[in-house]
Protein backbone atom coordinates (compact mmCIF):
# COMPACT_ATOMS: atom_id res chain seq x y z
CA MET A 1 87.26 9.62 -19.62
CA GLU A 2 87.14 8.14 -16.15
CA LYS A 3 85.01 5.03 -15.66
CA ILE A 4 82.31 4.90 -13.01
CA ASN A 5 82.29 1.63 -11.08
CA PHE A 6 79.12 0.06 -9.81
CA ILE A 7 78.55 -2.85 -7.46
CA LYS A 8 75.92 -5.27 -8.70
CA HIS A 9 72.67 -5.22 -6.69
CA ASP A 10 69.43 -7.13 -6.96
CA THR A 11 66.22 -5.25 -7.77
CA GLY A 12 65.70 -4.60 -4.05
CA GLY A 13 69.01 -2.75 -3.84
CA ASN A 14 70.82 -5.50 -1.94
CA ASN A 15 74.50 -5.96 -2.76
CA ILE A 16 74.79 -9.37 -4.40
CA GLY A 17 78.13 -9.10 -6.10
CA GLY A 18 80.39 -8.08 -3.27
CA ASP A 19 83.24 -5.67 -3.78
CA ASP A 20 84.85 -7.90 -6.40
CA GLU A 21 82.00 -7.72 -8.90
CA GLU A 22 82.12 -4.18 -10.24
CA TRP A 23 80.63 -2.89 -13.46
CA GLY A 24 82.20 -0.12 -15.46
CA MET A 25 80.17 2.39 -17.42
CA GLU A 26 81.52 5.49 -19.07
CA PRO A 27 80.00 8.71 -17.71
CA ALA A 28 76.79 9.72 -19.45
CA HIS A 29 76.45 12.73 -21.72
CA PRO A 30 75.60 15.74 -19.51
CA ARG A 31 72.16 16.23 -21.14
CA PHE A 32 71.30 12.56 -20.53
CA ALA A 33 72.47 12.76 -16.92
CA ALA A 34 70.43 15.93 -16.31
CA HIS A 35 67.20 14.50 -17.74
CA PHE A 36 67.33 10.80 -16.86
CA THR A 37 67.86 11.17 -13.12
CA HIS A 38 66.19 8.03 -11.74
CA PRO A 39 68.83 5.73 -10.19
CA MET A 40 67.95 2.90 -12.58
CA TYR A 41 69.69 4.76 -15.42
CA ASN A 42 72.97 3.89 -13.70
CA ASP A 43 71.92 0.47 -12.45
CA PRO A 44 73.62 -2.31 -14.40
CA ALA A 45 71.99 -5.07 -12.34
CA ASN A 46 68.26 -4.45 -12.72
CA ASP A 47 67.15 -6.45 -15.77
CA TRP A 48 64.43 -3.90 -16.54
CA ALA A 49 66.71 -0.88 -16.28
CA PRO A 50 67.96 0.50 -19.60
CA PHE A 51 71.43 -1.03 -19.21
CA GLY A 52 70.69 -3.89 -16.80
CA SER A 53 69.84 -6.76 -19.13
CA ASP A 54 72.64 -8.71 -20.75
CA GLU A 55 71.52 -7.49 -24.17
CA ALA A 56 71.46 -3.83 -23.16
CA ALA A 57 74.79 -4.06 -21.33
CA ASP A 58 76.35 -5.57 -24.45
CA VAL A 59 74.94 -2.79 -26.64
CA LEU A 60 76.24 -0.11 -24.30
CA ALA A 61 79.68 -1.73 -24.01
CA GLU A 62 79.99 -2.07 -27.78
CA TRP A 63 79.04 1.54 -28.46
CA GLU A 64 81.18 2.91 -25.63
CA GLU A 65 84.12 1.39 -27.53
CA ARG A 66 82.81 2.88 -30.78
CA ARG A 67 81.75 6.21 -29.27
CA ASP A 68 83.78 8.14 -31.84
CA GLU A 69 81.38 6.85 -34.54
CA LEU A 70 78.44 8.66 -32.90
CA THR A 71 77.76 12.37 -33.29
CA SER A 72 75.15 14.79 -32.04
CA SER A 73 73.16 14.10 -35.21
CA THR A 74 73.45 10.29 -35.47
CA PRO A 75 70.02 8.74 -36.04
CA LEU A 76 69.15 5.51 -34.26
CA ARG A 77 68.96 3.70 -37.61
CA ASP A 78 72.71 4.29 -38.09
CA MET A 79 73.44 2.06 -35.10
CA TYR A 80 72.29 -0.89 -37.20
CA ASP A 81 74.50 -2.60 -39.78
CA SER A 82 72.15 -1.80 -42.67
CA GLU A 83 68.95 -0.01 -43.57
CA GLU A 84 67.30 -3.41 -44.04
CA GLU A 85 68.32 -4.55 -40.53
CA TRP A 86 66.84 -1.33 -39.08
CA ARG A 87 63.55 -1.72 -40.95
CA GLU A 88 63.25 -5.37 -39.92
CA ALA A 89 64.02 -4.58 -36.27
CA VAL A 90 61.31 -1.92 -36.10
CA ALA A 91 58.80 -4.09 -37.99
CA GLU A 92 59.46 -7.06 -35.69
CA ILE A 93 58.80 -5.28 -32.38
CA GLY A 94 56.24 -7.40 -30.60
CA THR A 95 56.16 -10.29 -33.05
CA SER A 96 57.71 -12.86 -30.70
CA PRO A 97 57.71 -13.48 -26.95
CA LEU A 98 60.33 -11.46 -25.07
CA ASP A 99 62.11 -14.63 -23.99
CA GLU A 100 62.69 -15.34 -27.67
CA ASP A 101 64.77 -12.23 -28.34
CA ASP A 102 62.01 -9.77 -29.12
CA GLU A 103 63.30 -6.74 -31.03
CA ALA A 104 61.75 -4.39 -28.46
CA THR A 105 64.59 -5.16 -26.06
CA TRP A 106 67.22 -4.38 -28.70
CA VAL A 107 65.61 -1.22 -30.05
CA VAL A 108 65.15 0.23 -26.55
CA ALA A 109 68.73 -0.71 -25.62
CA GLN A 110 70.10 0.98 -28.74
CA ALA A 111 67.93 4.07 -28.16
CA PHE A 112 69.02 4.58 -24.55
CA THR A 113 72.63 3.92 -25.53
CA LEU A 114 72.41 6.62 -28.21
CA LEU A 115 70.88 9.01 -25.70
CA ARG A 116 73.43 8.19 -23.00
CA LEU A 117 76.41 8.63 -25.30
CA THR A 118 75.29 11.59 -27.47
CA GLY A 119 72.59 13.42 -25.50
CA GLN A 120 70.17 13.23 -28.43
CA ILE A 121 67.82 10.93 -30.35
CA ASP A 122 66.11 11.48 -33.67
CA ASP A 123 62.30 11.59 -33.88
CA GLU A 124 62.07 8.31 -35.79
CA GLY A 125 64.33 6.57 -33.28
CA LYS A 126 62.39 8.00 -30.35
CA ALA A 127 59.12 6.73 -31.87
CA ALA A 128 60.60 3.25 -32.36
CA ALA A 129 61.89 3.20 -28.78
CA LEU A 130 58.48 4.25 -27.44
CA ARG A 131 56.88 1.40 -29.43
CA GLY A 132 59.46 -0.93 -27.90
CA LEU A 133 58.69 0.35 -24.42
CA ASP A 134 54.97 -0.18 -25.03
CA ARG A 135 55.79 -3.80 -25.89
CA LEU A 136 57.92 -4.22 -22.78
CA LEU A 137 55.17 -2.71 -20.64
CA GLN A 138 52.68 -5.17 -22.10
CA GLU A 139 54.95 -8.15 -21.46
CA THR A 140 55.79 -7.13 -17.88
CA SER A 141 52.35 -6.01 -16.70
CA ASN A 142 53.53 -2.39 -16.60
CA ALA A 143 56.79 -2.83 -14.70
CA GLU A 144 57.56 0.46 -12.95
CA GLU A 145 61.00 0.68 -14.59
CA TYR A 146 59.44 0.69 -18.06
CA VAL A 147 56.74 3.14 -16.98
CA GLN A 148 59.50 5.51 -15.80
CA GLN A 149 61.55 5.04 -18.97
CA LYS A 150 58.53 5.76 -21.16
CA ARG A 151 57.59 8.85 -19.15
CA ASP A 152 61.15 10.16 -19.29
CA LEU A 153 61.58 9.41 -23.00
CA GLU A 154 58.24 11.03 -23.88
CA ALA A 155 59.40 14.18 -22.05
CA TRP A 156 62.80 14.22 -23.78
CA LYS A 157 63.51 17.18 -26.06
CA ASN A 158 66.63 17.47 -28.19
CA GLU A 159 68.46 20.78 -27.96
CA SER A 160 67.15 21.82 -31.38
CA ASN A 161 63.51 21.01 -30.46
């Protein structure tokens, strides 16, 4: 698959990285690309975009390398090392300030990565991601990026739904 290169921009769209600072992202699954059309879904520089924070970029990069482990029926919980880690992550959403590695950031990053790479998300994973987005909205006074992500995720339907 051919990589798409991006130039890093600040949240106002200004080029801050020059031509030398490019980001590579594998192309999104066609269903993801058709549904998640807002430019932020391909913006690796906006911290509140699904793949813009360091944490989310790391999650995406890791799973792009492990893409062959994901199928059209992989549940979000399978992206965690164990069932216990998954349960703890979901239970801990909102239990610490975001600047102290709140699980909301990680759950949302994993969810959008699963969607981007497979074009699907299970109902349980979608519910966890929506809880995470609610937490991020609360912490950011309803940042427009999280409002858009929540709206788009709420409207998402898997092919079998």
